[in-house]
C-alpha atoms as a PDB file:
ATOM      1  CA  UNK A   1      -0.312   0.022  -0.352  1.00  0.00           C
ATOM      2  CA  UNK A   2       1.305   3.260  -0.798  1.00  0.00           C
ATOM      3  CA  UNK A   3       2.285   6.166   2.154  1.00  0.00           C
ATOM      4  CA  UNK A   4       0.258   9.379   1.799  1.00  0.00           C
ATOM      5  CA  UNK A   5       3.437  11.546   0.762  1.00  0.00           C
ATOM      6  CA  UNK A   6       4.176   9.184  -2.436  1.00  0.00           C
ATOM      7  CA  UNK A   7       0.791  10.220  -4.054  1.00  0.00           C
ATOM      8  CA  UNK A   8      -0.327  13.657  -6.211  1.00  0.00           C
ATOM      9  CA  UNK A   9      -3.344  14.701  -7.277  1.00  0.00           C
ATOM     10  CA  UNK A  10      -3.276  16.906 -10.333  1.00  0.00           C
ATOM     11  CA  UNK A  11      -6.382  19.733 -10.793  1.00  0.00           C
ATOM     12  CA  UNK A  12      -7.533  20.533 -13.954  1.00  0.00           C
ATOM     13  CA  UNK A  13     -10.196  22.470 -16.729  1.00  0.00           C
ATOM     14  CA  UNK A  14     -13.332  21.072 -17.411  1.00  0.00           C
ATOM     15  CA  UNK A  15     -15.609  21.785 -20.207  1.00  0.00           C
ATOM     16  CA  UNK A  16     -17.866  24.204 -17.997  1.00  0.00           C
ATOM     17  CA  UNK A  17     -14.424  26.193 -19.071  1.00  0.00           C
ATOM     18  CA  UNK A  18     -13.367  24.691 -21.852  1.00  0.00           C
ATOM     19  CA  UNK A  19     -10.862  22.144 -20.642  1.00  0.00           C
ATOM     20  CA  UNK A  20     -10.922  18.211 -21.268  1.00  0.00           C
ATOM     21  CA  UNK A  21     -10.630  17.306 -17.715  1.00  0.00           C
ATOM     22  CA  UNK A  22     -13.179  14.894 -15.654  1.00  0.00           C
ATOM     23  CA  UNK A  23     -12.288  16.328 -12.324  1.00  0.00           C
ATOM     24  CA  UNK A  24      -9.259  15.664  -9.883  1.00  0.00           C
ATOM     25  CA  UNK A  25      -6.749  12.331 -11.015  1.00  0.00           C
ATOM     26  CA  UNK A  26      -4.317  11.020  -9.149  1.00  0.00           C
ATOM     27  CA  UNK A  27      -1.198   9.498  -9.836  1.00  0.00           C
ATOM     28  CA  UNK A  28       1.046   7.394  -7.581  1.00  0.00           C
ATOM     29  CA  UNK A  29       4.973   9.212  -7.081  1.00  0.00           C
ATOM     30  CA  UNK A  30       8.258   7.361  -7.282  1.00  0.00           C
ATOM     31  CA  UNK A  31      10.343   9.357  -4.450  1.00  0.00           C
ATOM     32  CA  UNK A  32      13.947   8.202  -6.006  1.00  0.00           C
ATOM     33  CA  UNK A  33      12.915   8.182  -9.812  1.00  0.00           C
ATOM     34  CA  UNK A  34      10.247  11.067  -9.774  1.00  0.00           C
ATOM     35  CA  UNK A  35       8.227   9.100 -12.180  1.00  0.00           C
ATOM     36  CA  UNK A  36       4.342   9.512 -12.209  1.00  0.00           C
ATOM     37  CA  UNK A  37       1.841   6.566 -12.620  1.00  0.00           C
ATOM     38  CA  UNK A  38      -1.760   7.851 -13.071  1.00  0.00           C
ATOM     39  CA  UNK A  39      -4.807   6.644 -10.820  1.00  0.00           C
ATOM     40  CA  UNK A  40      -6.504   7.820 -12.564  1.00  0.00           C
ATOM     41  CA  UNK A  41      -9.608  10.456 -12.348  1.00  0.00           C
ATOM     42  CA  UNK A  42     -10.899   9.902  -7.964  1.00  0.00           C
ATOM     43  CA  UNK A  43     -13.191  12.345  -8.363  1.00  0.00           C
ATOM     44  CA  UNK A  44     -15.550  14.001 -10.380  1.00  0.00           C
ATOM     45  CA  UNK A  45     -16.029  17.779 -10.158  1.00  0.00           C
ATOM     46  CA  UNK A  46     -16.322  20.808 -12.303  1.00  0.00           C
ATOM     47  CA  UNK A  47     -13.215  22.826 -13.041  1.00  0.00           C
ATOM     48  CA  UNK A  48     -11.429  22.420  -9.443  1.00  0.00           C
ATOM     49  CA  UNK A  49      -8.254  23.846 -11.173  1.00  0.00           C
ATOM     50  CA  UNK A  50      -6.028  24.700  -7.907  1.00  0.00           C
ATOM     51  CA  UNK A  51      -5.770  22.523  -4.737  1.00  0.00           C
ATOM     52  CA  UNK A  52      -4.720  22.237  -1.145  1.00  0.00           C
ATOM     53  CA  UNK A  53      -4.402  20.220   1.087  1.00  0.00           C
ATOM     54  CA  UNK A  54      -4.945  20.303   5.320  1.00  0.00           C
ATOM     55  CA  UNK A  55      -1.999  20.712   7.293  1.00  0.00           C
ATOM     56  CA  UNK A  56      -2.627  18.031   9.243  1.00  0.00           C
ATOM     57  CA  UNK A  57      -5.493  16.029   8.338  1.00  0.00           C
ATOM     58  CA  UNK A  58      -5.656  13.663   5.228  1.00  0.00           C
ATOM     59  CA  UNK A  59      -8.377  16.815   3.432  1.00  0.00           C
ATOM     60  CA  UNK A  60      -8.067  18.163   0.054  1.00  0.00           C
ATOM     61  CA  UNK A  61     -10.180  21.096  -1.247  1.00  0.00           C
ATOM     62  CA  UNK A  62     -10.826  22.156  -4.647  1.00  0.00           C
ATOM     63  CA  UNK A  63     -12.172  25.939  -5.867  1.00  0.00           C
ATOM     64  CA  UNK A  64     -14.537  25.287  -8.488  1.00  0.00           C
ATOM     65  CA  UNK A  65     -14.151  27.599 -10.772  1.00  0.00           C
ATOM     66  CA  UNK A  66     -16.871  28.649 -12.013  1.00  0.00           C
ATOM     67  CA  UNK A  67     -19.051  31.669 -12.409  1.00  0.00           C
ATOM     68  CA  UNK A  68     -21.040  31.284  -9.907  1.00  0.00           C
ATOM     69  CA  UNK A  69     -17.865  29.550  -7.573  1.00  0.00           C
ATOM     70  CA  UNK A  70     -17.765  27.070  -5.134  1.00  0.00           C
ATOM     71  CA  UNK A  71     -15.074  25.233  -2.847  1.00  0.00           C
ATOM     72  CA  UNK A  72     -15.111  21.401  -2.439  1.00  0.00           C
ATOM     73  CA  UNK A  73     -13.156  19.409   0.090  1.00  0.00           C
ATOM     74  CA  UNK A  74     -12.494  15.411  -0.248  1.00  0.00           C
ATOM     75  CA  UNK A  75     -11.295  13.084   2.837  1.00  0.00           C
ATOM     76  CA  UNK A  76      -8.109  11.364   1.176  1.00  0.00           C
ATOM     77  CA  UNK A  77      -7.217   7.732   1.114  1.00  0.00           C
ATOM     78  CA  UNK A  78      -4.319   5.798   1.198  1.00  0.00           C
ATOM     79  CA  UNK A  79      -3.844   5.283  -2.628  1.00  0.00           C
ATOM     80  CA  UNK A  80      -5.121   8.658  -3.322  1.00  0.00           C
ATOM     81  CA  UNK A  81      -8.673   7.617  -3.428  1.00  0.00           C
ATOM     82  CA  UNK A  82     -11.280  11.151  -2.265  1.00  0.00           C
ATOM     83  CA  UNK A  83     -14.353  10.687  -0.670  1.00  0.00           C
ATOM     84  CA  UNK A  84     -16.658  14.013  -0.615  1.00  0.00           C
ATOM     85  CA  UNK A  85     -16.860  16.252   2.223  1.00  0.00           C
ATOM     86  CA  UNK A  86     -19.037  18.531   1.473  1.00  0.00           C
ATOM     87  CA  UNK A  87     -19.149  22.134  -1.083  1.00  0.00           C
ATOM     88  CA  UNK A  88     -19.740  25.667  -0.311  1.00  0.00           C
ATOM     89  CA  UNK A  89     -20.306  28.428  -1.854  1.00  0.00           C
ATOM     90  CA  UNK A  90     -17.614  31.290  -2.262  1.00  0.00           C
ATOM     91  CA  UNK A  91     -19.984  34.336  -2.753  1.00  0.00           C
ATOM     92  CA  UNK A  92     -17.630  35.187  -5.520  1.00  0.00           C
ATOM     93  CA  UNK A  93     -16.956  34.762  -9.109  1.00  0.00           C
ATOM     94  CA  UNK A  94     -14.817  32.126 -10.545  1.00  0.00           C
ATOM     95  CA  UNK A  95     -12.375  31.093  -8.071  1.00  0.00           C
ATOM     96  CA  UNK A  96      -9.202  29.814  -9.091  1.00  0.00           C
ATOM     97  CA  UNK A  97      -6.884  29.913  -6.172  1.00  0.00           C
ATOM     98  CA  UNK A  98      -7.209  28.581  -2.200  1.00  0.00           C
ATOM     99  CA  UNK A  99      -5.350  28.248   0.634  1.00  0.00           C
ATOM    100  CA  UNK A 100      -5.360  26.357   4.513  1.00  0.00           C
ATOM    101  CA  UNK A 101      -4.264  28.879   7.251  1.00  0.00           C
ATOM    102  CA  UNK A 102      -1.034  27.235   8.750  1.00  0.00           C
ATOM    103  CA  UNK A 103      -3.202  26.213  12.215  1.00  0.00           C
ATOM    104  CA  UNK A 104      -5.074  24.087  10.398  1.00  0.00           C
ATOM    105  CA  UNK A 105      -8.531  26.307  11.063  1.00  0.00           C
ATOM    106  CA  UNK A 106      -9.298  28.230   7.934  1.00  0.00           C
ATOM    107  CA  UNK A 107     -10.164  27.878   4.483  1.00  0.00           C
ATOM    108  CA  UNK A 108      -9.372  31.020   2.456  1.00  0.00           C
ATOM    109  CA  UNK A 109     -10.085  31.287  -1.122  1.00  0.00           C
ATOM    110  CA  UNK A 110      -9.529  34.410  -4.014  1.00  0.00           C
ATOM    111  CA  UNK A 111     -12.736  34.482  -6.100  1.00  0.00           C
ATOM    112  CA  UNK A 112     -11.221  36.107  -9.570  1.00  0.00           C
ATOM    113  CA  UNK A 113     -13.998  36.863 -11.510  1.00  0.00           C
ATOM    114  CA  UNK A 114     -15.108  38.980  -9.052  1.00  0.00           C
ATOM    115  CA  UNK A 115     -12.002  40.479  -7.231  1.00  0.00           C
ATOM    116  CA  UNK A 116     -12.563  38.840  -3.792  1.00  0.00           C
ATOM    117  CA  UNK A 117     -11.454  37.181  -0.913  1.00  0.00           C
ATOM    118  CA  UNK A 118     -13.785  34.269   0.777  1.00  0.00           C
ATOM    119  CA  UNK A 119     -13.563  33.207   4.153  1.00  0.00           C
ATOM    120  CA  UNK A 120     -14.613  29.307   5.072  1.00  0.00           C
ATOM    121  CA  UNK A 121     -14.319  27.617   9.254  1.00  0.00           C
ATOM    122  CA  UNK A 122     -13.098  24.356   8.891  1.00  0.00           C
ATOM    123  CA  UNK A 123     -13.863  21.974  12.088  1.00  0.00           C
ATOM    124  CA  UNK A 124     -12.853  19.619  13.567  1.00  0.00           C
ATOM    125  CA  UNK A 125     -12.807  17.084  11.178  1.00  0.00           C
ATOM    126  CA  UNK A 126     -11.248  19.797   8.853  1.00  0.00           C
ATOM    127  CA  UNK A 127     -14.762  20.036   6.980  1.00  0.00           C
ATOM    128  CA  UNK A 128     -15.423  23.974   5.533  1.00  0.00           C
ATOM    129  CA  UNK A 129     -18.483  25.295   6.819  1.00  0.00           C
ATOM    130  CA  UNK A 130     -20.607  28.342   6.028  1.00  0.00           C
ATOM    131  CA  UNK A 131     -18.079  31.176   5.061  1.00  0.00           C
ATOM    132  CA  UNK A 132     -17.436  34.028   7.550  1.00  0.00           C
ATOM    133  CA  UNK A 133     -16.363  36.748   4.944  1.00  0.00           C
ATOM    134  CA  UNK A 134     -16.618  38.175   1.582  1.00  0.00           C
ATOM    135  CA  UNK A 135     -13.225  41.396   1.180  1.00  0.00           C
ATOM    136  CA  UNK A 136     -14.852  42.651  -2.544  1.00  0.00           C
ATOM    137  CA  UNK A 137     -11.346  44.857  -4.019  1.00  0.00           C
ATOM    138  CA  UNK A 138     -12.042  47.935  -5.952  1.00  0.00           C
ATOM    139  CA  UNK A 139     -10.255  49.530  -8.479  1.00  0.00           C
ATOM    140  CA  UNK A 140      -8.654  48.774 -12.235  1.00  0.00           C
ATOM    141  CA  UNK A 141      -5.327  48.984 -13.741  1.00  0.00           C
ATOM    142  CA  UNK A 142      -4.208  50.692 -17.020  1.00  0.00           C
ATOM    143  CA  UNK A 143      -4.881  47.499 -19.272  1.00  0.00           C
ATOM    144  CA  UNK A 144      -7.975  47.814 -20.563  1.00  0.00           C
ATOM    145  CA  UNK A 145      -9.130  44.575 -21.475  1.00  0.00           C
ATOM    146  CA  UNK A 146      -7.271  42.271 -18.515  1.00  0.00           C
ATOM    147  CA  UNK A 147      -8.075  44.987 -15.545  1.00  0.00           C
ATOM    148  CA  UNK A 148     -10.911  46.605 -16.227  1.00  0.00           C
ATOM    149  CA  UNK A 149     -12.254  45.456 -12.511  1.00  0.00           C
ATOM    150  CA  UNK A 150     -10.198  43.649  -9.458  1.00  0.00           C
ATOM    151  CA  UNK A 151      -9.378  40.143 -10.240  1.00  0.00           C
ATOM    152  CA  UNK A 152      -8.041  38.573  -7.048  1.00  0.00           C
ATOM    153  CA  UNK A 153      -6.043  35.909  -8.243  1.00  0.00           C
ATOM    154  CA  UNK A 154      -3.770  33.946  -5.320  1.00  0.00           C
ATOM    155  CA  UNK A 155      -4.048  33.692  -1.280  1.00  0.00           C
ATOM    156  CA  UNK A 156      -0.953  33.311   0.866  1.00  0.00           C
ATOM    157  CA  UNK A 157      -2.115  32.901   4.653  1.00  0.00           C
ATOM    158  CA  UNK A 158       0.734  34.169   7.036  1.00  0.00           C
ATOM    159  CA  UNK A 159       2.069  32.487  10.093  1.00  0.00           C
ATOM    160  CA  UNK A 160       3.091  33.905  13.538  1.00  0.00           C
ATOM    161  CA  UNK A 161       1.257  37.518  13.189  1.00  0.00           C
ATOM    162  CA  UNK A 162       2.627  37.523   9.470  1.00  0.00           C
ATOM    163  CA  UNK A 163      -0.835  39.398   7.923  1.00  0.00           C
ATOM    164  CA  UNK A 164      -2.588  37.257   4.682  1.00  0.00           C
ATOM    165  CA  UNK A 165      -1.573  38.052   1.046  1.00  0.00           C
ATOM    166  CA  UNK A 166      -3.889  38.098  -1.376  1.00  0.00           C
ATOM    167  CA  UNK A 167      -2.732  39.648  -4.575  1.00  0.00           C
ATOM    168  CA  UNK A 168      -4.636  41.149  -6.930  1.00  0.00           C
ATOM    169  CA  UNK A 169      -4.192  41.286 -11.202  1.00  0.00           C
ATOM    170  CA  UNK A 170      -6.985  43.846 -11.756  1.00  0.00           C
ATOM    171  CA  UNK A 171      -5.923  46.821  -9.182  1.00  0.00           C
ATOM    172  CA  UNK A 172      -1.720  46.478  -9.462  1.00  0.00           C
ATOM    173  CA  UNK A 173      -1.838  45.461  -6.175  1.00  0.00           C
ATOM    174  CA  UNK A 174      -1.063  42.954  -2.586  1.00  0.00           C
ATOM    175  CA  UNK A 175      -3.689  43.683  -0.127  1.00  0.00           C
ATOM    176  CA  UNK A 176      -2.463  42.340   3.412  1.00  0.00           C
ATOM    177  CA  UNK A 177      -5.097  41.206   6.389  1.00  0.00           C
ATOM    178  CA  UNK A 178      -5.310  40.260   9.580  1.00  0.00           C
ATOM    179  CA  UNK A 179      -7.565  36.836   9.770  1.00  0.00           C
ATOM    180  CA  UNK A 180      -9.456  36.519  13.398  1.00  0.00           C
ATOM    181  CA  UNK A 181     -10.332  33.476  15.325  1.00  0.00           C
ATOM    182  CA  UNK A 182     -13.838  34.325  14.374  1.00  0.00           C
ATOM    183  CA  UNK A 183     -13.019  34.199  10.558  1.00  0.00           C
ATOM    184  CA  UNK A 184     -13.410  37.377   9.771  1.00  0.00           C
ATOM    185  CA  UNK A 185     -10.700  39.344   7.536  1.00  0.00           C
ATOM    186  CA  UNK A 186      -9.635  43.421   8.569  1.00  0.00           C
ATOM    187  CA  UNK A 187      -7.167  45.424   6.597  1.00  0.00           C
ATOM    188  CA  UNK A 188      -3.751  45.969   8.067  1.00  0.00           C
ATOM    189  CA  UNK A 189      -2.457  48.635   6.521  1.00  0.00           C
ATOM    190  CA  UNK A 190      -2.953  50.806   2.604  1.00  0.00           C
ATOM    191  CA  UNK A 191      -2.442  47.806   0.319  1.00  0.00           C
ATOM    192  CA  UNK A 192       0.743  47.432  -1.342  1.00  0.00           C
ATOM    193  CA  UNK A 193       1.021  49.218  -5.216  1.00  0.00           C
ATOM    194  CA  UNK A 194       2.732  47.649  -8.433  1.00  0.00           C
ATOM    195  CA  UNK A 195       3.574  49.835 -11.010  1.00  0.00           C
ATOM    196  CA  UNK A 196       0.601  50.365 -13.184  1.00  0.00           C
ATOM    197  CA  UNK A 197       0.157  47.385 -15.178  1.00  0.00           C
ATOM    198  CA  UNK A 198       2.378  44.469 -13.291  1.00  0.00           C
ATOM    199  CA  UNK A 199      -0.474  42.376 -13.090  1.00  0.00           C
ATOM    200  CA  UNK A 200       0.617  40.792  -9.970  1.00  0.00           C
ATOM    201  CA  UNK A 201      -0.419  36.721 -10.245  1.00  0.00           C
ATOM    202  CA  UNK A 202       1.196  34.668  -7.419  1.00  0.00           C
ATOM    203  CA  UNK A 203       3.491  35.749  -4.540  1.00  0.00           C
ATOM    204  CA  UNK A 204       6.610  33.225  -3.016  1.00  0.00           C
ATOM    205  CA  UNK A 205       7.155  33.595   0.260  1.00  0.00           C
ATOM    206  CA  UNK A 206      11.405  33.251   1.071  1.00  0.00           C
ATOM    207  CA  UNK A 207      11.700  30.586   4.422  1.00  0.00           C
ATOM    208  CA  UNK A 208      13.923  33.592   5.664  1.00  0.00           C
ATOM    209  CA  UNK A 209      10.816  35.640   6.257  1.00  0.00           C
ATOM    210  CA  UNK A 210      12.046  38.527   5.131  1.00  0.00           C
ATOM    211  CA  UNK A 211      11.431  38.612   1.779  1.00  0.00           C
ATOM    212  CA  UNK A 212       9.152  37.551  -1.146  1.00  0.00           C
ATOM    213  CA  UNK A 213       8.579  37.592  -4.516  1.00  0.00           C
ATOM    214  CA  UNK A 214       5.555  38.693  -7.373  1.00  0.00           C
ATOM    215  CA  UNK A 215       5.222  37.337 -10.376  1.00  0.00           C
ATOM    216  CA  UNK A 216       3.652  39.773 -12.707  1.00  0.00           C
ATOM    217  CA  UNK A 217       1.703  37.940 -15.368  1.00  0.00           C
ATOM    218  CA  UNK A 218       0.872  41.516 -17.742  1.00  0.00           C
ATOM    219  CA  UNK A 219       4.360  42.539 -17.968  1.00  0.00           C
ATOM    220  CA  UNK A 220       6.603  39.492 -17.975  1.00  0.00           C
ATOM    221  CA  UNK A 221       8.134  40.665 -14.343  1.00  0.00           C
ATOM    222  CA  UNK A 222       9.411  39.462 -11.496  1.00  0.00           C
ATOM    223  CA  UNK A 223       9.335  41.250  -7.921  1.00  0.00           C
ATOM    224  CA  UNK A 224      11.278  41.836  -5.222  1.00  0.00           C
ATOM    225  CA  UNK A 225      10.434  43.017  -1.899  1.00  0.00           C
ATOM    226  CA  UNK A 226      11.530  42.925   1.739  1.00  0.00           C
ATOM    227  CA  UNK A 227       9.344  42.422   4.503  1.00  0.00           C
ATOM    228  CA  UNK A 228       9.272  45.299   7.114  1.00  0.00           C
ATOM    229  CA  UNK A 229       8.791  44.411  11.285  1.00  0.00           C
ATOM    230  CA  UNK A 230       4.895  45.825  10.672  1.00  0.00           C
ATOM    231  CA  UNK A 231       4.717  42.817   7.717  1.00  0.00           C
ATOM    232  CA  UNK A 232       4.773  45.774   5.354  1.00  0.00           C
ATOM    233  CA  UNK A 233       6.751  45.196   2.003  1.00  0.00           C
ATOM    234  CA  UNK A 234       9.593  47.643   0.729  1.00  0.00           C
ATOM    235  CA  UNK A 235      10.004  46.899  -2.637  1.00  0.00           C
ATOM    236  CA  UNK A 236      13.779  45.947  -3.584  1.00  0.00           C
ATOM    237  CA  UNK A 237      12.798  46.282  -7.649  1.00  0.00           C
ATOM    238  CA  UNK A 238      11.540  44.673 -10.564  1.00  0.00           C
ATOM    239  CA  UNK A 239      13.790  41.824 -13.301  1.00  0.00           C
ATOM    240  CA  UNK A 240      12.102  40.093 -16.931  1.00  0.00           C
ATOM    241  CA  UNK A 241      10.669  37.041 -15.887  1.00  0.00           C
ATOM    242  CA  UNK A 242      12.495  35.281 -18.874  1.00  0.00           C
ATOM    243  CA  UNK A 243      15.392  36.195 -21.572  1.00  0.00           C
ATOM    244  CA  UNK A 244      13.437  34.758 -24.185  1.00  0.00           C
ATOM    245  CA  UNK A 245      11.553  36.728 -26.864  1.00  0.00           C
ATOM    246  CA  UNK A 246       7.936  36.185 -27.332  1.00  0.00           C
ATOM    247  CA  UNK A 247       4.540  37.102 -25.438  1.00  0.00           C
ATOM    248  CA  UNK A 248       5.714  36.426 -21.708  1.00  0.00           C
ATOM    249  CA  UNK A 249       3.115  35.682 -19.306  1.00  0.00           C
ATOM    250  CA  UNK A 250       5.272  34.930 -15.223  1.00  0.00           C
ATOM    251  CA  UNK A 251       2.098  31.815 -13.433  1.00  0.00           C
ATOM    252  CA  UNK A 252       3.737  29.985 -10.528  1.00  0.00           C
ATOM    253  CA  UNK A 253       6.385  31.464  -8.922  1.00  0.00           C
ATOM    254  CA  UNK A 254       8.480  29.004  -5.745  1.00  0.00           C
ATOM    255  CA  UNK A 255      11.525  29.123  -3.495  1.00  0.00           C
ATOM    256  CA  UNK A 256      13.111  26.201  -3.263  1.00  0.00           C
ATOM    257  CA  UNK A 257      13.366  24.782   0.375  1.00  0.00           C
ATOM    258  CA  UNK A 258      16.631  26.517   0.990  1.00  0.00           C
ATOM    259  CA  UNK A 259      15.943  29.726  -0.025  1.00  0.00           C
ATOM    260  CA  UNK A 260      18.791  30.209  -2.601  1.00  0.00           C
ATOM    261  CA  UNK A 261      16.984  29.692  -5.805  1.00  0.00           C
ATOM    262  CA  UNK A 262      13.674  31.470  -7.064  1.00  0.00           C
ATOM    263  CA  UNK A 263      11.936  29.373  -9.454  1.00  0.00           C
ATOM    264  CA  UNK A 264       8.910  31.186 -12.397  1.00  0.00           C
ATOM    265  CA  UNK A 265       7.058  29.308 -14.765  1.00  0.00           C
ATOM    266  CA  UNK A 266       6.700  31.437 -18.140  1.00  0.00           C
ATOM    267  CA  UNK A 267       3.672  30.968 -21.031  1.00  0.00           C
ATOM    268  CA  UNK A 268       3.783  31.833 -24.288  1.00  0.00           C
ATOM    269  CA  UNK A 269       7.925  31.176 -24.233  1.00  0.00           C
ATOM    270  CA  UNK A 270       7.243  27.811 -22.265  1.00  0.00           C
ATOM    271  CA  UNK A 271       9.838  27.665 -19.862  1.00  0.00           C
ATOM    272  CA  UNK A 272      11.273  27.532 -16.162  1.00  0.00           C
ATOM    273  CA  UNK A 273      13.305  30.547 -15.123  1.00  0.00           C
ATOM    274  CA  UNK A 274      15.584  30.189 -12.171  1.00  0.00           C
ATOM    275  CA  UNK A 275      16.960  32.876 -10.114  1.00  0.00           C
ATOM    276  CA  UNK A 276      19.564  32.539  -8.194  1.00  0.00           C
ATOM    277  CA  UNK A 277      19.165  34.561  -4.354  1.00  0.00           C
ATOM    278  CA  UNK A 278      21.596  36.197  -2.197  1.00  0.00           C
ATOM    279  CA  UNK A 279      22.500  40.469  -1.527  1.00  0.00           C
ATOM    280  CA  UNK A 280      20.392  42.789  -3.687  1.00  0.00           C
ATOM    281  CA  UNK A 281      18.153  41.111  -6.574  1.00  0.00           C
ATOM    282  CA  UNK A 282      17.523  38.203  -7.981  1.00  0.00           C
ATOM    283  CA  UNK A 283      19.729  36.680 -10.652  1.00  0.00           C
ATOM    284  CA  UNK A 284      18.671  34.520 -13.268  1.00  0.00           C
ATOM    285  CA  UNK A 285      21.000  31.883 -14.064  1.00  0.00           C
ATOM    286  CA  UNK A 286      19.296  29.641 -16.233  1.00  0.00           C
ATOM    287  CA  UNK A 287      16.192  28.771 -18.514  1.00  0.00           C
ATOM    288  CA  UNK A 288      15.415  25.819 -18.906  1.00  0.00           C
ATOM    289  CA  UNK A 289      12.480  24.505 -21.856  1.00  0.00           C
ATOM    290  CA  UNK A 290       9.771  23.083 -20.518  1.00  0.00           C
ATOM    291  CA  UNK A 291       8.516  21.008 -23.749  1.00  0.00           C
ATOM    292  CA  UNK A 292       5.472  23.176 -24.220  1.00  0.00           C
ATOM    293  CA  UNK A 293       4.169  26.687 -24.390  1.00  0.00           C
ATOM    294  CA  UNK A 294       1.765  26.776 -21.588  1.00  0.00           C
ATOM    295  CA  UNK A 295       2.892  25.836 -18.387  1.00  0.00           C
ATOM    296  CA  UNK A 296       0.638  27.029 -16.313  1.00  0.00           C
ATOM    297  CA  UNK A 297       1.577  25.834 -12.593  1.00  0.00           C
ATOM    298  CA  UNK A 298       4.820  23.523 -10.581  1.00  0.00           C
ATOM    299  CA  UNK A 299       5.839  21.911  -7.809  1.00  0.00           C
ATOM    300  CA  UNK A 300       8.615  21.290  -6.397  1.00  0.00           C
ATOM    301  CA  UNK A 301       8.615  17.897  -4.515  1.00  0.00           C
ATOM    302  CA  UNK A 302      12.033  16.775  -3.061  1.00  0.00           C
ATOM    303  CA  UNK A 303      14.927  16.861  -5.663  1.00  0.00           C
ATOM    304  CA  UNK A 304      12.198  16.830  -8.317  1.00  0.00           C
ATOM    305  CA  UNK A 305      10.361  19.898 -10.419  1.00  0.00           C
ATOM    306  CA  UNK A 306       6.344  18.613 -11.510  1.00  0.00           C
ATOM    307  CA  UNK A 307       5.335  21.079 -14.592  1.00  0.00           C
ATOM    308  CA  UNK A 308       2.257  21.155 -15.228  1.00  0.00           C
ATOM    309  CA  UNK A 309       1.185  22.458 -19.246  1.00  0.00           C
ATOM    310  CA  UNK A 310      -2.425  22.879 -19.422  1.00  0.00           C
ATOM    311  CA  UNK A 311      -2.170  23.173 -23.223  1.00  0.00           C
ATOM    312  CA  UNK A 312      -0.309  20.528 -23.822  1.00  0.00           C
ATOM    313  CA  UNK A 313      -2.400  18.147 -21.658  1.00  0.00           C
ATOM    314  CA  UNK A 314       0.772  16.765 -19.608  1.00  0.00           C
ATOM    315  CA  UNK A 315       3.036  17.186 -16.931  1.00  0.00           C
ATOM    316  CA  UNK A 316       6.707  16.702 -16.989  1.00  0.00           C
ATOM    317  CA  UNK A 317       8.896  15.682 -14.571  1.00  0.00           C
ATOM    318  CA  UNK A 318      12.793  16.877 -14.227  1.00  0.00           C
ATOM    319  CA  UNK A 319      15.287  16.546 -11.319  1.00  0.00           C
ATOM    320  CA  UNK A 320      16.562  19.664 -10.248  1.00  0.00           C
ATOM    321  CA  UNK A 321      20.396  20.059  -9.177  1.00  0.00           C
ATOM    322  CA  UNK A 322      21.216  20.603  -5.641  1.00  0.00           C
ATOM    323  CA  UNK A 323      24.052  22.976  -6.194  1.00  0.00           C
ATOM    324  CA  UNK A 324      22.619  24.150  -9.805  1.00  0.00           C
ATOM    325  CA  UNK A 325      19.077  24.362  -8.803  1.00  0.00           C
ATOM    326  CA  UNK A 326      19.260  23.906 -12.609  1.00  0.00           C
ATOM    327  CA  UNK A 327      16.114  21.345 -13.474  1.00  0.00           C
ATOM    328  CA  UNK A 328      16.914  18.713 -16.374  1.00  0.00           C
ATOM    329  CA  UNK A 329      13.953  16.817 -17.616  1.00  0.00           C
ATOM    330  CA  UNK A 330      13.897  12.712 -17.113  1.00  0.00           C
ATOM    331  CA  UNK A 331      11.881  10.792 -18.974  1.00  0.00           C
ATOM    332  CA  UNK A 332       8.409  10.918 -20.868  1.00  0.00           C
ATOM    333  CA  UNK A 333       5.693  13.847 -19.179  1.00  0.00           C
ATOM    334  CA  UNK A 334       2.045  12.011 -17.722  1.00  0.00           C
ATOM    335  CA  UNK A 335      -0.180  12.798 -20.490  1.00  0.00           C
ATOM    336  CA  UNK A 336      -3.543  14.429 -18.168  1.00  0.00           C
ATOM    337  CA  UNK A 337      -6.400  16.344 -20.052  1.00  0.00           C
ATOM    338  CA  UNK A 338      -5.758  20.295 -19.859  1.00  0.00           C
ATOM    339  CA  UNK A 339      -4.476  20.151 -16.536  1.00  0.00           C
ATOM    340  CA  UNK A 340      -3.784  23.677 -14.212  1.00  0.00           C
ATOM    341  CA  UNK A 341      -2.953  21.928 -10.853  1.00  0.00           C
ATOM    342  CA  UNK A 342      -0.719  19.566  -9.405  1.00  0.00           C
ATOM    343  CA  UNK A 343      -1.172  18.744  -5.400  1.00  0.00           C
ATOM    344  CA  UNK A 344       2.506  17.029  -3.993  1.00  0.00           C
END
């Protein structure tokens, strides 16, 4: 029997969002070779485009990225099977990201279509109850097609007194919130504004707690920030997310476990860019082709990196060199219909 850590789940777009997935796929991961073996669809659900796990309990959560947004919860079996534990409406449109707070008490959701953030309480078994708060962002950016209104794209709960960060592509802003025990959100100071037209998508926190990095989807950038004592963000500067010619749309961004390297997926040019982290701004050390055009998401698991290409219908495995941080492709990709997220 497989242990829990050997199973990954893969979310995707179903027909409701123009995709070809049926729901959530499970795969068995060989921790030595990195190879993934599909176990098939384990939950039929509408457009589970992003997934999250409970930090202590065998519970998995997904957004259902629909005009009337929902979240779904499942109990996870030892071999990756999913047993439905309930759904809840988000009170917003097209939820695209969700995360569980470090203590496991709440589930927080970013509603892209309505530009809002929703909070759900989680009971002792990890089952979500009725939402306790919905906060809507206001404003717009200079891009009339993508920034006509607020578009919350990611929520990143803080630990040890750090604020929850809500990244909003539509308003060129990062909002900071305190989340209380009752599930209420309170603003912690003014929102952090990027330059106009950046279109911030995702944020990656450095394990040192003193730095974070933001992927700018609309201008192809990576923004570096220093975290101040009150949880504020002081921008240190900007670097290009890719050196390749073409229309670059950064998607996922993450810092390696040891804090030495930053990874950015670039849609349009189909690459993973690797940046060395140290004093000053991130410095690109490599840019690796993924074998597809549209790497929407990736996950770092041990010494492996898994790249999810939505349009190429595949998940590709890479081995990350411990010294250089550079990933090298391994074997053949796993075929998955319209994948959008891989959850280790």
